[in-house]
Protein backbone atom coordinates (compact mmCIF):
# COMPACT_ATOMS: atom_id res chain seq x y z
CA MET A 1 -221.54 -3.15 -128.18
CA ILE A 2 -222.81 -2.03 -124.80
CA LEU A 3 -226.59 -1.90 -124.72
CA GLN A 4 -227.13 -0.57 -121.20
CA PRO A 5 -225.49 2.71 -120.17
CA VAL A 6 -223.32 3.15 -117.12
CA THR A 7 -225.05 5.82 -115.08
CA PHE A 8 -224.29 7.84 -111.96
CA GLU A 9 -226.02 9.63 -109.16
CA THR A 10 -226.57 13.36 -109.67
CA ARG A 11 -223.44 15.45 -108.98
CA SER A 12 -221.60 12.30 -107.95
CA ALA A 13 -219.19 9.65 -109.18
CA ALA A 14 -221.28 6.99 -107.39
CA ILE A 15 -222.16 4.29 -109.88
CA ARG A 16 -225.85 3.46 -109.84
CA PRO A 17 -226.56 -0.17 -108.86
CA GLY A 18 -228.32 -0.80 -112.16
CA SER A 19 -224.99 -0.31 -113.95
CA VAL A 20 -223.22 -3.16 -112.15
CA PRO A 21 -224.30 -5.87 -114.64
CA THR A 22 -222.99 -3.73 -117.51
CA LEU A 23 -219.64 -3.21 -115.80
CA ASP A 24 -219.39 -6.91 -114.97
CA ALA A 25 -219.99 -7.68 -118.64
CA VAL A 26 -217.28 -5.20 -119.70
CA ALA A 27 -214.83 -6.82 -117.27
CA SER A 28 -215.72 -10.27 -118.60
CA VAL A 29 -215.23 -9.18 -122.22
CA LEU A 30 -211.86 -7.62 -121.46
CA GLN A 31 -210.71 -10.72 -119.57
CA SER A 32 -211.72 -13.04 -122.38
CA HIS A 33 -210.52 -10.86 -125.26
CA ALA A 34 -206.83 -10.14 -124.84
CA GLU A 35 -206.81 -8.72 -128.36
CA ILE A 36 -208.44 -5.56 -126.95
CA LEU A 37 -205.28 -3.80 -125.85
CA GLU A 38 -206.76 -0.43 -124.85
CA LEU A 39 -210.33 0.53 -124.02
CA GLU A 40 -210.77 4.19 -123.13
CA ILE A 41 -213.24 4.91 -120.34
CA GLN A 42 -214.89 8.22 -121.23
CA GLY A 43 -216.59 10.12 -118.41
CA HIS A 44 -219.40 12.61 -119.07
CA SER A 45 -221.54 14.96 -117.01
CA ASP A 46 -224.76 16.87 -117.58
CA GLU A 47 -224.92 20.58 -118.34
CA ARG A 48 -225.63 21.77 -114.82
CA GLY A 49 -222.73 23.27 -112.90
CA ASP A 50 -219.70 25.12 -114.19
CA ASP A 51 -217.35 23.76 -116.83
CA VAL A 52 -214.43 23.13 -114.45
CA SER A 53 -216.57 21.22 -111.95
CA ASN A 54 -218.19 19.17 -114.71
CA LEU A 55 -214.82 18.25 -116.20
CA ASP A 56 -213.57 17.16 -112.77
CA LEU A 57 -216.76 15.18 -112.15
CA SER A 58 -216.45 13.41 -115.49
CA ASP A 59 -212.84 12.48 -114.64
CA GLN A 60 -214.01 11.10 -111.29
CA ARG A 61 -216.73 9.05 -113.00
CA ALA A 62 -214.24 7.53 -115.42
CA LEU A 63 -211.87 6.78 -112.54
CA ALA A 64 -214.71 5.12 -110.57
CA VAL A 65 -215.40 2.80 -113.48
CA GLN A 66 -211.69 2.12 -113.91
CA ALA A 67 -211.42 1.19 -110.21
CA TYR A 68 -214.44 -1.10 -110.53
CA LEU A 69 -212.90 -2.92 -113.50
CA VAL A 70 -209.46 -3.18 -111.87
CA ALA A 71 -211.11 -4.70 -108.78
CA ARG A 72 -212.50 -7.36 -111.13
CA GLY A 73 -209.08 -8.25 -112.50
CA VAL A 74 -208.67 -5.95 -115.51
CA ASP A 75 -205.14 -4.57 -115.98
CA VAL A 76 -205.23 -0.81 -115.40
CA ALA A 77 -202.84 -0.28 -118.34
CA ARG A 78 -205.59 -1.51 -120.69
CA ILE A 79 -208.23 0.96 -119.52
CA PRO A 80 -207.09 4.61 -119.70
CA VAL A 81 -209.56 7.26 -118.58
CA GLN A 82 -210.62 10.59 -120.04
CA GLY A 83 -213.19 13.07 -118.77
CA TYR A 84 -215.15 15.15 -121.27
CA GLY A 85 -217.37 17.15 -118.92
CA GLU A 86 -220.56 18.34 -120.55
CA SER A 87 -218.98 18.71 -124.03
CA GLN A 88 -220.47 15.54 -125.58
CA PRO A 89 -224.14 15.22 -124.59
CA VAL A 90 -226.20 12.37 -125.99
CA ASP A 91 -229.42 14.26 -125.23
CA LEU A 92 -229.59 17.99 -126.02
CA GLY A 93 -232.63 18.55 -123.80
CA HIS A 94 -232.62 20.76 -120.73
CA ASN A 95 -234.64 18.57 -118.39
CA PRO A 96 -234.18 15.74 -115.85
CA ARG A 97 -234.42 13.02 -118.51
CA ALA A 98 -231.67 14.60 -120.61
CA TRP A 99 -229.48 15.25 -117.57
CA ALA A 100 -229.81 11.61 -116.48
CA ARG A 101 -228.84 10.37 -119.96
CA ASN A 102 -225.82 12.67 -120.09
CA ARG A 103 -224.41 11.52 -116.69
CA ARG A 104 -222.66 8.48 -118.11
CA VAL A 105 -219.53 6.66 -119.15
CA ASP A 106 -218.85 5.48 -122.67
CA PHE A 107 -216.21 3.02 -123.84
CA LEU A 108 -214.05 3.38 -126.94
CA ILE A 109 -211.67 0.71 -128.20
CA LEU A 110 -208.44 2.59 -128.91
CA ARG A 111 -206.16 -0.27 -129.86
CA THR A 112 -206.42 -3.95 -130.68
CA ALA A 113 -203.84 -6.58 -131.45
CA ALA A 114 -204.84 -6.27 -135.12
CA SER A 115 -204.38 -2.48 -135.22
CA PRO A 116 -201.03 -0.79 -135.91
């Protein structure tokens, strides 16, 4: 379970410095748990901007996290990416706090050694 979110600068795929410890922990878990075969990196954006731009931005955020993890030794084949744009907000508000919470990356274990 990831307790601290991975967050980004507004309208950017730049990972905020406060997210580095979280990403280092994810890399460490993946390196020490070979039974996690696939961990999807899910990029998200806030509601501002048009749908096409937000989808592209969410893809870029997921790719930025993927590049960070690969640079720390994680096999790229284990960490596919998917952008979801603004379609899956965690905060339905229409204010700076909600926008900041929705600019994020989530992780979903897709496949483990124990799964079919």
